[in-house]
N, C-alpha and C. Protein backbone atom coordinates (compact mmCIF):
# COMPACT_ATOMS: atom_id res chain seq x y z
N MET A 1 -99.36 53.90 -42.03
CA MET A 1 -99.59 55.31 -42.27
C MET A 1 -100.35 55.90 -41.35
N ASN A 2 -99.69 57.08 -40.66
CA ASN A 2 -100.17 57.81 -39.75
C ASN A 2 -101.10 58.86 -40.08
N LEU A 3 -101.93 59.23 -39.16
CA LEU A 3 -103.23 60.41 -39.23
C LEU A 3 -102.02 61.73 -39.80
N ASP A 4 -101.09 62.46 -38.79
CA ASP A 4 -100.49 63.23 -39.39
C ASP A 4 -99.93 63.47 -40.87
N GLU A 5 -99.41 62.24 -41.36
CA GLU A 5 -99.18 62.06 -42.66
C GLU A 5 -99.93 62.20 -43.52
N ILE A 6 -101.53 61.40 -43.28
CA ILE A 6 -102.63 61.44 -44.21
C ILE A 6 -103.15 62.89 -44.07
N ILE A 7 -103.06 63.61 -43.18
CA ILE A 7 -103.64 65.11 -43.32
C ILE A 7 -102.68 65.91 -44.06
N GLU A 8 -101.31 65.95 -43.91
CA GLU A 8 -100.47 66.82 -44.40
C GLU A 8 -100.54 66.53 -45.72
N PHE A 9 -100.68 65.06 -46.42
CA PHE A 9 -101.06 64.85 -48.03
C PHE A 9 -102.43 65.65 -48.61
N VAL A 10 -103.25 65.33 -47.78
CA VAL A 10 -104.67 65.67 -48.10
C VAL A 10 -104.51 67.70 -48.03
N VAL A 11 -104.14 68.28 -47.40
CA VAL A 11 -103.82 69.47 -47.35
C VAL A 11 -102.94 70.09 -48.60
N GLU A 12 -101.71 69.37 -48.90
CA GLU A 12 -100.65 69.89 -49.73
C GLU A 12 -101.28 69.44 -51.26
N HIS A 13 -102.20 68.33 -51.48
CA HIS A 13 -102.31 67.93 -52.61
C HIS A 13 -103.75 67.89 -52.93
N GLY A 14 -104.74 68.29 -52.02
CA GLY A 14 -105.97 68.41 -52.28
C GLY A 14 -106.56 69.49 -52.60
N GLY A 15 -105.90 70.87 -52.58
CA GLY A 15 -106.65 71.78 -52.96
C GLY A 15 -106.91 72.81 -51.72
N ALA A 16 -106.99 74.09 -51.93
CA ALA A 16 -107.07 75.09 -51.14
C ALA A 16 -108.74 74.58 -50.46
N ASN A 17 -109.30 74.32 -50.81
CA ASN A 17 -110.80 73.84 -49.85
C ASN A 17 -110.55 72.75 -48.92
N TYR A 18 -109.70 72.05 -49.28
CA TYR A 18 -109.34 71.05 -47.78
C TYR A 18 -108.55 71.49 -47.03
N ALA A 19 -107.70 72.64 -47.37
CA ALA A 19 -107.11 73.46 -46.24
C ALA A 19 -107.70 74.11 -45.24
N LYS A 20 -109.31 74.44 -45.70
CA LYS A 20 -110.12 74.97 -44.94
C LYS A 20 -111.15 74.38 -44.07
N MET A 21 -111.15 72.98 -44.14
CA MET A 21 -111.96 72.12 -43.42
C MET A 21 -111.39 72.37 -41.96
N PRO A 22 -112.48 71.86 -40.87
CA PRO A 22 -112.32 72.24 -39.60
C PRO A 22 -111.36 70.69 -39.28
N TYR A 23 -110.35 71.26 -38.58
CA TYR A 23 -109.17 70.07 -38.58
C TYR A 23 -109.84 69.12 -37.45
N ASP A 24 -110.45 69.24 -36.48
CA ASP A 24 -111.15 68.01 -35.84
C ASP A 24 -112.06 67.26 -36.35
N ASP A 25 -112.80 67.94 -37.19
CA ASP A 25 -114.03 67.24 -37.96
C ASP A 25 -113.08 66.32 -39.09
N PHE A 26 -111.95 66.84 -39.68
CA PHE A 26 -111.37 66.20 -40.55
C PHE A 26 -110.81 64.81 -40.08
N VAL A 27 -110.22 65.31 -38.87
CA VAL A 27 -109.44 64.16 -37.97
C VAL A 27 -110.50 62.83 -37.75
N LYS A 28 -111.64 63.46 -37.35
CA LYS A 28 -112.42 62.33 -36.73
C LYS A 28 -113.11 61.33 -38.04
N ALA A 29 -113.15 62.37 -39.17
CA ALA A 29 -113.54 61.50 -40.16
C ALA A 29 -112.53 60.29 -40.76
N ILE A 30 -111.38 60.83 -40.93
CA ILE A 30 -110.27 60.01 -41.24
C ILE A 30 -110.13 58.81 -40.22
N LYS A 31 -110.17 59.05 -39.04
CA LYS A 31 -110.10 57.82 -38.12
C LYS A 31 -111.39 56.89 -38.10
N LYS A 32 -112.58 57.46 -38.21
CA LYS A 32 -113.59 56.77 -38.79
C LYS A 32 -113.34 55.51 -40.08
N HIS A 33 -112.91 56.34 -41.11
CA HIS A 33 -112.58 55.78 -42.38
C HIS A 33 -111.53 54.71 -42.12
N LYS A 34 -110.60 54.97 -41.56
CA LYS A 34 -109.67 54.05 -41.25
C LYS A 34 -110.60 52.58 -40.65
N GLU A 35 -110.95 53.08 -39.46
CA GLU A 35 -111.66 52.26 -38.78
C GLU A 35 -112.46 51.19 -39.68
N TYR A 36 -113.44 51.60 -40.48
CA TYR A 36 -114.35 50.93 -41.06
C TYR A 36 -113.64 50.20 -42.68
N GLY A 37 -112.29 50.51 -43.13
CA GLY A 37 -111.79 50.09 -44.14
C GLY A 37 -112.19 50.84 -45.17
N THR A 38 -112.83 52.18 -45.48
CA THR A 38 -113.14 52.63 -46.39
C THR A 38 -112.25 53.73 -46.70
N LEU A 39 -110.91 53.66 -46.38
CA LEU A 39 -110.10 54.76 -46.57
C LEU A 39 -109.08 54.16 -47.54
N MET A 40 -109.21 54.42 -48.95
CA MET A 40 -107.83 53.32 -49.75
C MET A 40 -106.68 54.42 -50.24
N SER A 41 -105.59 53.59 -50.00
CA SER A 41 -104.44 54.51 -50.44
C SER A 41 -103.47 53.41 -51.16
N VAL A 42 -102.46 54.61 -51.97
CA VAL A 42 -101.68 54.10 -52.30
C VAL A 42 -100.08 54.61 -52.42
N ARG A 43 -99.36 54.00 -52.08
CA ARG A 43 -97.80 54.44 -51.80
C ARG A 43 -96.64 54.29 -52.82
N ASP A 44 -95.85 55.08 -52.83
CA ASP A 44 -94.83 54.74 -53.78
C ASP A 44 -93.58 54.94 -52.89
N LYS A 45 -92.32 54.93 -53.57
CA LYS A 45 -90.99 55.67 -52.74
C LYS A 45 -91.19 57.08 -52.26
N LYS A 46 -91.94 57.86 -52.78
CA LYS A 46 -91.98 59.13 -52.16
C LYS A 46 -92.76 59.19 -51.11
N GLY A 47 -93.89 58.44 -50.73
CA GLY A 47 -94.84 58.25 -49.97
C GLY A 47 -96.14 58.21 -50.37
N ILE A 48 -97.09 58.78 -49.80
CA ILE A 48 -98.61 58.83 -50.08
C ILE A 48 -98.77 58.86 -51.51
N ALA A 49 -98.94 58.35 -52.72
CA ALA A 49 -99.47 58.84 -53.72
C ALA A 49 -100.90 59.06 -54.15
N ALA A 50 -101.81 58.51 -53.42
CA ALA A 50 -103.31 58.72 -53.70
C ALA A 50 -103.95 58.31 -52.19
N LEU A 51 -105.08 59.00 -51.96
CA LEU A 51 -106.14 58.51 -51.27
C LEU A 51 -107.39 58.84 -51.54
N ALA A 52 -108.52 57.70 -51.35
CA ALA A 52 -109.71 57.85 -51.49
C ALA A 52 -110.48 57.63 -50.31
N ARG A 53 -111.66 58.19 -49.80
CA ARG A 53 -112.42 57.80 -48.85
C ARG A 53 -113.64 57.58 -49.49
N TRP A 54 -114.36 56.45 -48.84
CA TRP A 54 -115.70 55.96 -49.54
C TRP A 54 -116.74 55.70 -48.37
N ASN A 55 -117.96 55.75 -48.69
CA ASN A 55 -119.10 55.20 -48.25
C ASN A 55 -119.71 54.38 -48.87
N TRP A 56 -120.43 53.14 -48.12
CA TRP A 56 -121.17 52.25 -48.86
C TRP A 56 -122.58 52.83 -48.62
N ILE A 57 -123.39 52.93 -49.45
CA ILE A 57 -124.74 53.19 -49.27
C ILE A 57 -125.41 52.21 -49.21
N ASN A 58 -125.08 50.92 -50.17
CA ASN A 58 -126.00 49.62 -49.54
C ASN A 58 -125.07 48.72 -50.33
N GLU A 59 -125.73 47.75 -50.22
CA GLU A 59 -124.64 46.60 -50.56
C GLU A 59 -124.27 46.45 -51.99
N GLU A 60 -125.18 47.39 -52.91
CA GLU A 60 -124.79 47.13 -54.47
C GLU A 60 -124.33 48.70 -54.73
N GLU A 61 -123.86 49.78 -53.79
CA GLU A 61 -123.55 51.14 -54.28
C GLU A 61 -122.74 51.69 -53.26
N VAL A 62 -121.56 52.34 -53.75
CA VAL A 62 -120.82 53.13 -53.00
C VAL A 62 -120.81 54.47 -53.62
N GLU A 63 -120.26 55.29 -52.18
CA GLU A 63 -120.11 56.93 -52.84
C GLU A 63 -118.65 57.33 -52.62
N ILE A 64 -118.04 57.83 -53.21
CA ILE A 64 -116.77 58.31 -53.36
C ILE A 64 -116.95 59.78 -52.57
N LEU A 65 -116.20 59.94 -51.73
CA LEU A 65 -116.49 61.08 -51.05
C LEU A 65 -115.10 62.13 -51.07
N ASP A 66 -114.04 61.64 -51.12
CA ASP A 66 -112.96 62.45 -51.53
C ASP A 66 -112.01 61.32 -52.30
N CYS A 67 -111.10 61.79 -53.57
CA CYS A 67 -110.19 61.31 -53.90
C CYS A 67 -109.13 62.45 -54.30
N VAL A 68 -108.01 62.23 -53.65
CA VAL A 68 -106.88 63.12 -53.83
C VAL A 68 -105.63 62.21 -54.22
N VAL A 69 -104.97 62.86 -55.37
CA VAL A 69 -103.85 62.13 -55.86
C VAL A 69 -102.58 63.33 -56.09
N ARG A 70 -101.67 62.70 -55.69
CA ARG A 70 -100.39 63.66 -55.68
C ARG A 70 -100.15 64.18 -57.16
N LYS A 71 -99.93 65.44 -57.23
CA LYS A 71 -99.83 65.98 -58.65
C LYS A 71 -99.22 65.34 -59.58
N ASP A 72 -97.96 64.68 -59.27
CA ASP A 72 -97.18 63.96 -60.17
C ASP A 72 -97.78 62.89 -60.90
N LEU A 73 -98.63 62.28 -60.18
CA LEU A 73 -99.47 61.22 -60.78
C LEU A 73 -100.64 61.25 -60.86
N ARG A 74 -101.17 62.67 -61.33
CA ARG A 74 -103.08 62.65 -61.55
C ARG A 74 -103.37 62.22 -62.86
N GLY A 75 -104.26 61.48 -63.21
CA GLY A 75 -104.41 61.04 -64.44
C GLY A 75 -105.68 59.74 -64.32
N PRO A 76 -106.06 59.22 -65.39
CA PRO A 76 -107.38 58.22 -65.35
C PRO A 76 -106.66 56.77 -64.58
N ARG A 77 -105.59 56.60 -64.91
CA ARG A 77 -104.90 55.25 -64.29
C ARG A 77 -105.12 55.24 -62.93
N MET A 78 -104.71 56.46 -61.87
CA MET A 78 -104.50 56.40 -60.77
C MET A 78 -105.89 56.12 -60.11
N ILE A 79 -107.01 56.86 -60.86
CA ILE A 79 -108.38 56.88 -60.46
C ILE A 79 -109.08 55.44 -60.44
N LYS A 80 -108.80 55.14 -61.72
CA LYS A 80 -108.98 53.29 -61.57
C LYS A 80 -108.84 52.77 -61.04
N TYR A 81 -107.30 52.87 -60.15
CA TYR A 81 -106.77 51.92 -59.26
C TYR A 81 -107.41 52.17 -58.02
N LEU A 82 -107.67 53.37 -57.86
CA LEU A 82 -108.38 53.39 -56.83
C LEU A 82 -109.58 52.80 -56.33
N ILE A 83 -110.64 52.86 -57.44
CA ILE A 83 -111.97 52.22 -57.97
C ILE A 83 -111.74 50.99 -57.65
N HIS A 84 -110.94 50.06 -58.14
CA HIS A 84 -110.42 48.82 -58.20
C HIS A 84 -110.31 48.46 -56.62
N LEU A 85 -109.37 49.31 -56.06
CA LEU A 85 -109.15 48.98 -54.76
C LEU A 85 -110.37 48.80 -53.71
N GLY A 86 -111.28 49.60 -54.06
CA GLY A 86 -112.53 49.87 -53.24
C GLY A 86 -113.73 48.93 -53.54
N PHE A 87 -113.71 48.52 -54.75
CA PHE A 87 -114.61 47.52 -55.07
C PHE A 87 -114.07 46.14 -54.85
N ASN A 88 -112.96 45.76 -54.75
CA ASN A 88 -112.27 44.67 -54.27
C ASN A 88 -112.66 44.31 -53.04
N LYS A 89 -113.07 45.53 -52.04
CA LYS A 89 -113.33 45.29 -50.50
C LYS A 89 -114.90 44.81 -50.66
N ASN A 90 -115.64 44.95 -51.48
CA ASN A 90 -116.94 44.70 -51.54
C ASN A 90 -117.18 44.35 -53.19
N PRO A 91 -117.26 42.99 -53.19
CA PRO A 91 -117.47 42.43 -54.65
C PRO A 91 -119.13 42.46 -55.12
N LYS A 92 -119.80 42.74 -54.22
CA LYS A 92 -121.41 42.74 -54.68
C LYS A 92 -121.85 44.30 -55.29
N ALA A 93 -120.71 45.19 -55.01
CA ALA A 93 -121.35 46.57 -55.52
C ALA A 93 -121.07 46.58 -56.77
N LYS A 94 -121.96 47.18 -57.47
CA LYS A 94 -122.09 47.62 -59.10
C LYS A 94 -122.13 48.97 -59.20
N TYR A 95 -122.88 49.77 -58.49
CA TYR A 95 -122.59 51.30 -58.65
C TYR A 95 -121.77 52.27 -57.75
N MET A 96 -121.53 53.06 -58.59
CA MET A 96 -120.71 54.20 -57.81
C MET A 96 -121.34 55.55 -57.90
N LYS A 97 -121.07 56.36 -57.09
CA LYS A 97 -121.76 57.75 -57.13
C LYS A 97 -120.57 58.56 -56.57
N TYR A 98 -120.63 59.83 -57.37
CA TYR A 98 -119.51 60.76 -56.70
C TYR A 98 -120.02 62.07 -57.46
N GLN A 99 -119.31 63.30 -56.53
CA GLN A 99 -119.51 64.63 -57.04
C GLN A 99 -118.38 65.42 -56.76
N ARG A 100 -118.10 66.02 -57.89
CA ARG A 100 -116.69 66.91 -57.85
C ARG A 100 -117.10 68.23 -57.13
N TYR A 101 -117.63 68.07 -55.61
CA TYR A 101 -117.86 69.07 -55.17
C TYR A 101 -116.84 70.26 -54.91
N TYR A 102 -115.82 69.87 -54.90
CA TYR A 102 -114.56 71.44 -54.61
C TYR A 102 -114.62 71.75 -55.60
N LYS A 103 -114.50 71.02 -56.80
CA LYS A 103 -114.04 71.73 -58.30
C LYS A 103 -115.46 72.25 -58.82
N TYR A 104 -116.76 71.73 -58.28
CA TYR A 104 -118.12 72.05 -59.19
C TYR A 104 -119.25 71.73 -58.16
N PRO A 105 -119.12 72.39 -57.27
CA PRO A 105 -119.67 72.61 -56.07
C PRO A 105 -121.61 72.58 -56.25
N TYR A 106 -121.76 73.03 -57.54
CA TYR A 106 -123.49 72.93 -57.63
C TYR A 106 -123.75 71.72 -58.84
N ARG A 107 -122.76 71.21 -59.15
CA ARG A 107 -123.19 70.02 -60.24
C ARG A 107 -123.78 68.92 -59.50
N ALA A 108 -124.42 68.05 -59.74
CA ALA A 108 -125.20 67.03 -59.10
C ALA A 108 -124.37 65.83 -58.90
N ARG A 109 -124.82 64.84 -58.23
CA ARG A 109 -123.97 63.62 -58.00
C ARG A 109 -124.15 63.29 -59.20
N VAL A 110 -122.93 62.20 -59.71
CA VAL A 110 -123.31 61.27 -60.73
C VAL A 110 -123.08 59.82 -60.28
N ARG A 111 -124.23 59.05 -60.76
CA ARG A 111 -124.31 57.65 -60.39
C ARG A 111 -124.00 56.97 -61.63
N MET A 112 -122.86 55.89 -61.59
CA MET A 112 -122.86 55.31 -62.79
C MET A 112 -122.95 53.64 -62.31
N LYS A 113 -122.69 52.91 -63.58
CA LYS A 113 -122.55 51.64 -63.21
C LYS A 113 -121.25 51.23 -63.53
N VAL A 114 -120.48 50.30 -62.72
CA VAL A 114 -119.09 50.12 -63.14
C VAL A 114 -118.92 48.43 -63.35
N LYS A 115 -119.80 47.68 -62.61
CA LYS A 115 -119.70 46.24 -62.87
C LYS A 115 -121.19 45.75 -62.80
N GLY A 116 -121.18 44.19 -63.24
CA GLY A 116 -122.20 43.49 -63.54
C GLY A 116 -122.98 42.96 -64.73
N GLU A 117 -123.98 42.77 -64.18
CA GLU A 117 -124.87 42.17 -65.65
C GLU A 117 -125.20 43.23 -66.62
């Protein structure tokens, strides 16, 4: 998956706010997430189906920065699958933080327990 394909997908399916992001900053962020293995992706016959970027806060907690799903596949099953991919990379993680910033910019981050005792 090349950088141009990722950027085109996010701009097309991520909404107007992603299209307004400074290009150089976005490219730098995508490169870092690819390097650190915190860019999760799902592909199908049509190309990229979904992307998510994560940050590991600590050993037990992750924060979802972005989650972009192609319009024809949007639904809870795809989001759950992306979460599953992310947590497989760090089996010790128990908590997930996220904020629907672009849709609800003034809402606080949500922290939820996703697995563990």
